[in-house]
C-alpha cells in the first residue's frame, strides 16, 4: 500500500494488505489526474495459516483414501474432500475486508457484502467486529476480536499512565529477560480495535463524498456453496448405500 494513510506495520490478527482501488480525496495529483492508491485489505494471518494446514491435511488423507482404499472408500474420500475443502476455504482463507475511497467490501464465508461509505451507520468492535449499514448488521469475519490482546493493551496503557515500566513477563532467556518492547511507553490498541478505528475514520472521511453513496449489495458465494452441496449430497448417498 503506497498511500500516506498506510497503517503502521504490526503483529495483528488482521494485517492490512494491498488490493486495488483509488486514491484518497485530496491526494497527490499527477499530470493525468489523481494518483491511484491501493485499497487497504484486512485479513487474519492466523486463520489463513490454519486453513492452509487443514487443507494440506485433508488433501493428504483424501489422496491416501483414493489410492489405498477399497470398495466405496475412494468415492467416499472424494465426496468428503469435495465437501470439506470449500468449507475450510470459506472460514479461513476467504474472509477479507477491502476498504477504498468509495466503499468497503466485506468478504465473509458465504457471501460478499459491498457497503458504500455513505450507507455506513456505525463500525464497531465488541465481542465481534461488525458494520451497521442500511438498517442491517454485517459481521467482519476477517477482523476477529481477541479479548486477550485487548486486555494486554489495556494493562500496558495502565502501566504507562501510572509511570510503571511495562511488564517484562517471560523473555526468550527466562523470567525478567529484556525485550524489544521494554521501553515502549506509547499507547497501545488491540489489533482488531486498530483496524476498526481505521475503518471508522475512512467512513467518516468519505461519508459525504458523492462517489461513496449508494445501497448495500449482497452476493452469495456460489463458488463455495455449490461444490460443498454436491459433496454433501454425494457423501450422504454413498454412506446411505452401506
C-alpha atoms as a PDB file:
ATOM      1  CA  UNK A   1       0.000   0.000   0.000  1.00  0.00           C
ATOM      2  CA  UNK A   2       1.522   3.284  -1.084  1.00  0.00           C
ATOM      3  CA  UNK A   3      -0.966   5.716   0.486  1.00  0.00           C
ATOM      4  CA  UNK A   4       0.341   8.041   3.158  1.00  0.00           C
ATOM      5  CA  UNK A   5      -2.546   6.744   5.274  1.00  0.00           C
ATOM      6  CA  UNK A   6      -0.959   3.290   5.384  1.00  0.00           C
ATOM      7  CA  UNK A   7      -1.341   1.853   8.912  1.00  0.00           C
ATOM      8  CA  UNK A   8       1.911   1.070  10.660  1.00  0.00           C
ATOM      9  CA  UNK A   9       3.272  -2.437  10.387  1.00  0.00           C
ATOM     10  CA  UNK A  10       2.383  -4.532  13.370  1.00  0.00           C
ATOM     11  CA  UNK A  11       1.693  -8.017  14.549  1.00  0.00           C
ATOM     12  CA  UNK A  12      -2.018  -8.279  14.006  1.00  0.00           C
ATOM     13  CA  UNK A  13      -4.880 -10.673  13.769  1.00  0.00           C
ATOM     14  CA  UNK A  14      -5.930  -8.690  10.737  1.00  0.00           C
ATOM     15  CA  UNK A  15      -2.985  -7.091   8.955  1.00  0.00           C
ATOM     16  CA  UNK A  16      -3.721  -4.678   6.110  1.00  0.00           C
ATOM     17  CA  UNK A  17      -2.599  -5.977   2.728  1.00  0.00           C
ATOM     18  CA  UNK A  18      -2.701  -4.223  -0.657  1.00  0.00           C
ATOM     19  CA  UNK A  19      -5.566  -4.761  -3.074  1.00  0.00           C
ATOM     20  CA  UNK A  20      -6.513  -2.274  -5.787  1.00  0.00           C
ATOM     21  CA  UNK A  21      -8.542   0.918  -5.728  1.00  0.00           C
ATOM     22  CA  UNK A  22      -8.472   4.686  -5.983  1.00  0.00           C
ATOM     23  CA  UNK A  23      -6.710   7.460  -4.112  1.00  0.00           C
ATOM     24  CA  UNK A  24      -7.876   9.333  -1.028  1.00  0.00           C
ATOM     25  CA  UNK A  25      -9.548  12.683  -1.639  1.00  0.00           C
ATOM     26  CA  UNK A  26      -7.071  15.477  -1.791  1.00  0.00           C
ATOM     27  CA  UNK A  27      -4.230  13.086  -2.532  1.00  0.00           C
ATOM     28  CA  UNK A  28      -1.320  13.827  -4.868  1.00  0.00           C
ATOM     29  CA  UNK A  29      -2.254  14.726  -8.408  1.00  0.00           C
ATOM     30  CA  UNK A  30      -0.253  13.742 -11.470  1.00  0.00           C
ATOM     31  CA  UNK A  31      -0.434  15.139 -14.989  1.00  0.00           C
ATOM     32  CA  UNK A  32      -3.088  12.574 -15.863  1.00  0.00           C
ATOM     33  CA  UNK A  33      -5.245  13.154 -12.768  1.00  0.00           C
ATOM     34  CA  UNK A  34      -5.251  11.910  -9.195  1.00  0.00           C
ATOM     35  CA  UNK A  35      -2.650   9.338  -8.300  1.00  0.00           C
ATOM     36  CA  UNK A  36      -4.219   5.906  -7.800  1.00  0.00           C
ATOM     37  CA  UNK A  37      -3.707   4.193  -4.491  1.00  0.00           C
ATOM     38  CA  UNK A  38      -4.400   0.649  -3.451  1.00  0.00           C
ATOM     39  CA  UNK A  39      -7.192  -0.454  -1.133  1.00  0.00           C
ATOM     40  CA  UNK A  40      -6.482  -1.468   2.417  1.00  0.00           C
ATOM     41  CA  UNK A  41      -7.096  -5.167   2.908  1.00  0.00           C
ATOM     42  CA  UNK A  42      -7.621  -6.731   6.317  1.00  0.00           C
ATOM     43  CA  UNK A  43      -7.193 -10.478   6.765  1.00  0.00           C
ATOM     44  CA  UNK A  44      -6.396 -12.883   9.579  1.00  0.00           C
ATOM     45  CA  UNK A  45      -2.889 -14.350   9.203  1.00  0.00           C
ATOM     46  CA  UNK A  46      -3.635 -16.945  11.893  1.00  0.00           C
ATOM     47  CA  UNK A  47      -6.803 -18.029  10.096  1.00  0.00           C
ATOM     48  CA  UNK A  48      -5.013 -18.283   6.770  1.00  0.00           C
ATOM     49  CA  UNK A  49      -2.186 -20.348   8.266  1.00  0.00           C
ATOM     50  CA  UNK A  50      -4.661 -22.669   9.976  1.00  0.00           C
ATOM     51  CA  UNK A  51      -6.642 -23.045   6.764  1.00  0.00           C
ATOM     52  CA  UNK A  52      -3.559 -23.941   4.759  1.00  0.00           C
ATOM     53  CA  UNK A  53      -2.638 -26.639   7.302  1.00  0.00           C
ATOM     54  CA  UNK A  54      -6.174 -28.071   7.324  1.00  0.00           C
ATOM     55  CA  UNK A  55      -6.269 -28.146   3.523  1.00  0.00           C
ATOM     56  CA  UNK A  56      -2.914 -29.895   3.367  1.00  0.00           C
ATOM     57  CA  UNK A  57      -4.074 -32.482   5.906  1.00  0.00           C
ATOM     58  CA  UNK A  58      -7.380 -33.003   4.095  1.00  0.00           C
ATOM     59  CA  UNK A  59      -5.723 -33.449   0.708  1.00  0.00           C
ATOM     60  CA  UNK A  60      -3.223 -35.903   2.182  1.00  0.00           C
ATOM     61  CA  UNK A  61      -5.969 -38.017   3.796  1.00  0.00           C
ATOM     62  CA  UNK A  62      -8.172 -37.796   0.712  1.00  0.00           C
ATOM     63  CA  UNK A  63      -5.422 -38.866  -1.685  1.00  0.00           C
ATOM     64  CA  UNK A  64      -4.471 -41.697   0.646  1.00  0.00           C
ATOM     65  CA  UNK A  65      -8.091 -42.893   0.729  1.00  0.00           C
ATOM     66  CA  UNK A  66      -8.374 -42.741  -3.069  1.00  0.00           C
ATOM     67  CA  UNK A  67      -5.094 -44.560  -3.720  1.00  0.00           C
ATOM     68  CA  UNK A  68      -5.189 -47.144  -0.964  1.00  0.00           C
ATOM     69  CA  UNK A  69      -8.902 -47.567  -0.234  1.00  0.00           C
ATOM     70  CA  UNK A  70     -11.062 -50.392  -1.464  1.00  0.00           C
ATOM     71  CA  UNK A  71     -14.722 -50.704  -2.377  1.00  0.00           C
ATOM     72  CA  UNK A  72     -16.557 -47.393  -1.902  1.00  0.00           C
ATOM     73  CA  UNK A  73     -13.755 -45.877   0.181  1.00  0.00           C
ATOM     74  CA  UNK A  74     -12.151 -43.900  -2.705  1.00  0.00           C
ATOM     75  CA  UNK A  75     -15.530 -42.401  -3.620  1.00  0.00           C
ATOM     76  CA  UNK A  76     -16.313 -41.570  -0.003  1.00  0.00           C
ATOM     77  CA  UNK A  77     -12.906 -39.893   0.316  1.00  0.00           C
ATOM     78  CA  UNK A  78     -13.530 -37.810  -2.804  1.00  0.00           C
ATOM     79  CA  UNK A  79     -17.006 -36.773  -1.652  1.00  0.00           C
ATOM     80  CA  UNK A  80     -15.712 -35.835   1.802  1.00  0.00           C
ATOM     81  CA  UNK A  81     -12.905 -33.808   0.250  1.00  0.00           C
ATOM     82  CA  UNK A  82     -15.375 -32.050  -2.040  1.00  0.00           C
ATOM     83  CA  UNK A  83     -17.477 -31.146   0.990  1.00  0.00           C
ATOM     84  CA  UNK A  84     -14.741 -30.156   3.425  1.00  0.00           C
ATOM     85  CA  UNK A  85     -12.332 -28.241   1.172  1.00  0.00           C
ATOM     86  CA  UNK A  86     -14.792 -25.426   0.271  1.00  0.00           C
ATOM     87  CA  UNK A  87     -15.857 -25.103   3.915  1.00  0.00           C
ATOM     88  CA  UNK A  88     -12.262 -24.832   5.127  1.00  0.00           C
ATOM     89  CA  UNK A  89     -11.547 -22.223   2.451  1.00  0.00           C
ATOM     90  CA  UNK A  90     -14.738 -20.334   3.326  1.00  0.00           C
ATOM     91  CA  UNK A  91     -13.931 -19.965   7.018  1.00  0.00           C
ATOM     92  CA  UNK A  92     -10.139 -19.497   6.863  1.00  0.00           C
ATOM     93  CA  UNK A  93      -8.779 -18.291   3.509  1.00  0.00           C
ATOM     94  CA  UNK A  94     -11.750 -16.428   2.052  1.00  0.00           C
ATOM     95  CA  UNK A  95     -12.630 -13.814   4.734  1.00  0.00           C
ATOM     96  CA  UNK A  96     -11.259 -10.362   3.937  1.00  0.00           C
ATOM     97  CA  UNK A  97     -12.249  -6.713   4.257  1.00  0.00           C
ATOM     98  CA  UNK A  98     -11.282  -4.341   1.437  1.00  0.00           C
ATOM     99  CA  UNK A  99     -11.563  -0.636   2.181  1.00  0.00           C
ATOM    100  CA  UNK A 100     -11.193   2.020  -0.514  1.00  0.00           C
ATOM    101  CA  UNK A 101     -12.374   5.592  -1.000  1.00  0.00           C
ATOM    102  CA  UNK A 102     -15.882   4.746  -2.175  1.00  0.00           C
ATOM    103  CA  UNK A 103     -16.878   1.638  -0.279  1.00  0.00           C
ATOM    104  CA  UNK A 104     -15.979  -1.247   1.975  1.00  0.00           C
ATOM    105  CA  UNK A 105     -16.208  -4.753   0.542  1.00  0.00           C
ATOM    106  CA  UNK A 106     -16.710  -7.416   3.197  1.00  0.00           C
ATOM    107  CA  UNK A 107     -15.927 -10.945   2.054  1.00  0.00           C
ATOM    108  CA  UNK A 108     -17.404 -13.357   4.594  1.00  0.00           C
ATOM    109  CA  UNK A 109     -17.540 -17.180   4.377  1.00  0.00           C
ATOM    110  CA  UNK A 110     -20.699 -17.480   2.281  1.00  0.00           C
ATOM    111  CA  UNK A 111     -21.372 -14.019   0.899  1.00  0.00           C
ATOM    112  CA  UNK A 112     -19.752 -10.745  -0.147  1.00  0.00           C
ATOM    113  CA  UNK A 113     -21.264  -7.506   1.144  1.00  0.00           C
ATOM    114  CA  UNK A 114     -20.457  -4.215  -0.580  1.00  0.00           C
ATOM    115  CA  UNK A 115     -21.092  -1.205   1.668  1.00  0.00           C
ATOM    116  CA  UNK A 116     -20.701   2.348   0.276  1.00  0.00           C
ATOM    117  CA  UNK A 117     -19.304   4.667   2.930  1.00  0.00           C
ATOM    118  CA  UNK A 118     -22.377   6.870   2.663  1.00  0.00           C
ATOM    119  CA  UNK A 119     -24.549   3.969   3.817  1.00  0.00           C
ATOM    120  CA  UNK A 120     -22.452   3.173   6.903  1.00  0.00           C
ATOM    121  CA  UNK A 121     -24.208   3.913  10.178  1.00  0.00           C
ATOM    122  CA  UNK A 122     -21.545   2.514  12.511  1.00  0.00           C
ATOM    123  CA  UNK A 123     -18.406   0.391  12.584  1.00  0.00           C
ATOM    124  CA  UNK A 124     -17.855  -1.216  15.964  1.00  0.00           C
ATOM    125  CA  UNK A 125     -15.952  -3.908  17.797  1.00  0.00           C
ATOM    126  CA  UNK A 126     -17.359  -5.606  20.901  1.00  0.00           C
ATOM    127  CA  UNK A 127     -17.156  -9.367  21.123  1.00  0.00           C
ATOM    128  CA  UNK A 128     -17.102  -9.373  17.318  1.00  0.00           C
ATOM    129  CA  UNK A 129     -16.341  -6.807  14.627  1.00  0.00           C
ATOM    130  CA  UNK A 130     -19.306  -5.575  12.629  1.00  0.00           C
ATOM    131  CA  UNK A 131     -20.621  -2.804  10.414  1.00  0.00           C
ATOM    132  CA  UNK A 132     -24.144  -1.392  10.574  1.00  0.00           C
ATOM    133  CA  UNK A 133     -25.452  -0.061   7.284  1.00  0.00           C
ATOM    134  CA  UNK A 134     -28.858   0.405   5.614  1.00  0.00           C
ATOM    135  CA  UNK A 135     -30.575  -0.959   8.705  1.00  0.00           C
ATOM    136  CA  UNK A 136     -28.614  -4.227   8.565  1.00  0.00           C
ATOM    137  CA  UNK A 137     -25.757  -5.640  10.615  1.00  0.00           C
ATOM    138  CA  UNK A 138     -22.858  -7.464   8.955  1.00  0.00           C
ATOM    139  CA  UNK A 139     -20.045  -9.217  10.763  1.00  0.00           C
ATOM    140  CA  UNK A 140     -16.427  -8.741   9.703  1.00  0.00           C
ATOM    141  CA  UNK A 141     -15.064 -12.288   9.809  1.00  0.00           C
ATOM    142  CA  UNK A 142     -11.632 -11.111   8.668  1.00  0.00           C
ATOM    143  CA  UNK A 143     -11.164  -8.986  11.811  1.00  0.00           C
ATOM    144  CA  UNK A 144     -11.580 -11.366  14.751  1.00  0.00           C
ATOM    145  CA  UNK A 145     -11.666  -9.851  18.232  1.00  0.00           C
ATOM    146  CA  UNK A 146      -9.059 -11.061  20.721  1.00  0.00           C
ATOM    147  CA  UNK A 147     -10.049 -10.306  24.311  1.00  0.00           C
ATOM    148  CA  UNK A 148      -6.573 -11.418  25.391  1.00  0.00           C
ATOM    149  CA  UNK A 149      -4.920  -8.836  23.118  1.00  0.00           C
ATOM    150  CA  UNK A 150      -7.352  -6.181  24.342  1.00  0.00           C
ATOM    151  CA  UNK A 151      -6.548  -6.911  27.996  1.00  0.00           C
ATOM    152  CA  UNK A 152      -2.817  -6.926  27.255  1.00  0.00           C
ATOM    153  CA  UNK A 153      -3.047  -3.497  25.603  1.00  0.00           C
ATOM    154  CA  UNK A 154      -5.127  -2.130  28.496  1.00  0.00           C
ATOM    155  CA  UNK A 155      -2.604  -3.432  31.045  1.00  0.00           C
ATOM    156  CA  UNK A 156       0.262  -1.823  29.123  1.00  0.00           C
ATOM    157  CA  UNK A 157      -1.574   1.520  28.978  1.00  0.00           C
ATOM    158  CA  UNK A 158      -2.288   1.383  32.714  1.00  0.00           C
ATOM    159  CA  UNK A 159       1.396   0.800  33.455  1.00  0.00           C
ATOM    160  CA  UNK A 160       2.426   3.690  31.220  1.00  0.00           C
ATOM    161  CA  UNK A 161      -0.165   6.040  32.769  1.00  0.00           C
ATOM    162  CA  UNK A 162       0.995   5.122  36.274  1.00  0.00           C
ATOM    163  CA  UNK A 163       4.648   5.588  35.388  1.00  0.00           C
ATOM    164  CA  UNK A 164       5.442   1.921  35.904  1.00  0.00           C
ATOM    165  CA  UNK A 165       7.744   0.112  33.476  1.00  0.00           C
ATOM    166  CA  UNK A 166       5.979  -2.245  31.077  1.00  0.00           C
ATOM    167  CA  UNK A 167       5.738  -5.840  32.255  1.00  0.00           C
ATOM    168  CA  UNK A 168       8.729  -7.928  31.312  1.00  0.00           C
ATOM    169  CA  UNK A 169       6.988 -11.288  31.517  1.00  0.00           C
ATOM    170  CA  UNK A 170       8.950 -14.322  30.367  1.00  0.00           C
ATOM    171  CA  UNK A 171      11.537 -13.370  27.823  1.00  0.00           C
ATOM    172  CA  UNK A 172      13.463 -15.527  25.412  1.00  0.00           C
ATOM    173  CA  UNK A 173      16.092 -16.291  28.044  1.00  0.00           C
ATOM    174  CA  UNK A 174      13.862 -16.751  31.067  1.00  0.00           C
ATOM    175  CA  UNK A 175      11.880 -14.634  33.566  1.00  0.00           C
ATOM    176  CA  UNK A 176      12.683 -10.954  33.500  1.00  0.00           C
ATOM    177  CA  UNK A 177      14.597 -11.125  30.229  1.00  0.00           C
ATOM    178  CA  UNK A 178      14.825  -7.875  28.292  1.00  0.00           C
ATOM    179  CA  UNK A 179      12.541  -7.481  25.279  1.00  0.00           C
ATOM    180  CA  UNK A 180      12.378  -5.042  22.418  1.00  0.00           C
ATOM    181  CA  UNK A 181       9.191  -3.556  23.931  1.00  0.00           C
ATOM    182  CA  UNK A 182      10.626  -2.901  27.404  1.00  0.00           C
ATOM    183  CA  UNK A 183      10.958   0.851  26.835  1.00  0.00           C
ATOM    184  CA  UNK A 184       7.762   1.243  24.787  1.00  0.00           C
ATOM    185  CA  UNK A 185       5.728   3.969  26.506  1.00  0.00           C
ATOM    186  CA  UNK A 186       3.319   4.665  23.647  1.00  0.00           C
ATOM    187  CA  UNK A 187      -0.370   3.882  23.973  1.00  0.00           C
ATOM    188  CA  UNK A 188      -1.387   0.556  22.507  1.00  0.00           C
ATOM    189  CA  UNK A 189      -4.571  -0.743  20.947  1.00  0.00           C
ATOM    190  CA  UNK A 190      -5.571  -4.323  20.261  1.00  0.00           C
ATOM    191  CA  UNK A 191      -5.070  -5.164  16.557  1.00  0.00           C
ATOM    192  CA  UNK A 192      -8.798  -5.607  15.941  1.00  0.00           C
ATOM    193  CA  UNK A 193      -9.543  -2.265  17.613  1.00  0.00           C
ATOM    194  CA  UNK A 194      -6.886  -0.563  15.477  1.00  0.00           C
ATOM    195  CA  UNK A 195      -8.462  -1.976  12.327  1.00  0.00           C
ATOM    196  CA  UNK A 196     -11.935  -0.826  13.408  1.00  0.00           C
ATOM    197  CA  UNK A 197     -10.558   2.650  14.193  1.00  0.00           C
ATOM    198  CA  UNK A 198      -9.115   2.872  10.679  1.00  0.00           C
ATOM    199  CA  UNK A 199     -12.364   1.727   9.054  1.00  0.00           C
ATOM    200  CA  UNK A 200     -14.386   4.151  11.180  1.00  0.00           C
ATOM    201  CA  UNK A 201     -12.069   7.004  10.148  1.00  0.00           C
ATOM    202  CA  UNK A 202     -12.473   6.106   6.471  1.00  0.00           C
ATOM    203  CA  UNK A 203     -16.259   6.006   6.863  1.00  0.00           C
ATOM    204  CA  UNK A 204     -16.312   9.434   8.473  1.00  0.00           C
ATOM    205  CA  UNK A 205     -13.907  10.910   5.916  1.00  0.00           C
ATOM    206  CA  UNK A 206     -15.822   9.740   2.849  1.00  0.00           C
ATOM    207  CA  UNK A 207     -19.403   9.723   4.180  1.00  0.00           C
ATOM    208  CA  UNK A 208     -20.373  12.849   2.204  1.00  0.00           C
ATOM    209  CA  UNK A 209     -18.404  12.014  -0.929  1.00  0.00           C
ATOM    210  CA  UNK A 210     -20.635  11.695  -3.997  1.00  0.00           C
ATOM    211  CA  UNK A 211     -18.972   8.508  -5.335  1.00  0.00           C
ATOM    212  CA  UNK A 212     -19.399   6.887  -1.906  1.00  0.00           C
ATOM    213  CA  UNK A 213     -23.213   6.990  -1.963  1.00  0.00           C
ATOM    214  CA  UNK A 214     -25.431   4.015  -2.729  1.00  0.00           C
ATOM    215  CA  UNK A 215     -27.129   0.972  -1.266  1.00  0.00           C
ATOM    216  CA  UNK A 216     -25.661  -2.097   0.365  1.00  0.00           C
ATOM    217  CA  UNK A 217     -25.432  -5.051  -2.025  1.00  0.00           C
ATOM    218  CA  UNK A 218     -25.036  -8.718  -1.090  1.00  0.00           C
ATOM    219  CA  UNK A 219     -23.763 -11.526  -3.328  1.00  0.00           C
ATOM    220  CA  UNK A 220     -23.820 -15.151  -2.238  1.00  0.00           C
ATOM    221  CA  UNK A 221     -20.600 -17.147  -2.705  1.00  0.00           C
ATOM    222  CA  UNK A 222     -21.945 -19.837  -5.032  1.00  0.00           C
ATOM    223  CA  UNK A 223     -18.387 -20.899  -5.809  1.00  0.00           C
ATOM    224  CA  UNK A 224     -18.252 -22.110  -2.197  1.00  0.00           C
ATOM    225  CA  UNK A 225     -21.839 -23.275  -1.731  1.00  0.00           C
ATOM    226  CA  UNK A 226     -22.197 -25.299  -4.961  1.00  0.00           C
ATOM    227  CA  UNK A 227     -19.266 -27.727  -4.533  1.00  0.00           C
ATOM    228  CA  UNK A 228     -19.970 -28.112  -0.809  1.00  0.00           C
ATOM    229  CA  UNK A 229     -23.594 -29.017  -1.576  1.00  0.00           C
ATOM    230  CA  UNK A 230     -22.554 -31.511  -4.241  1.00  0.00           C
ATOM    231  CA  UNK A 231     -20.076 -33.091  -1.845  1.00  0.00           C
ATOM    232  CA  UNK A 232     -22.666 -33.295   0.935  1.00  0.00           C
ATOM    233  CA  UNK A 233     -25.233 -34.984  -1.340  1.00  0.00           C
ATOM    234  CA  UNK A 234     -22.658 -37.418  -2.726  1.00  0.00           C
ATOM    235  CA  UNK A 235     -21.410 -38.280   0.757  1.00  0.00           C
ATOM    236  CA  UNK A 236     -24.961 -38.847   2.032  1.00  0.00           C
ATOM    237  CA  UNK A 237     -25.773 -41.121  -0.908  1.00  0.00           C
ATOM    238  CA  UNK A 238     -22.570 -43.162  -0.523  1.00  0.00           C
ATOM    239  CA  UNK A 239     -23.000 -43.589   3.216  1.00  0.00           C
ATOM    240  CA  UNK A 240     -26.674 -44.409   2.793  1.00  0.00           C
ATOM    241  CA  UNK A 241     -25.795 -47.250   0.409  1.00  0.00           C
ATOM    242  CA  UNK A 242     -23.955 -49.013   3.223  1.00  0.00           C
END
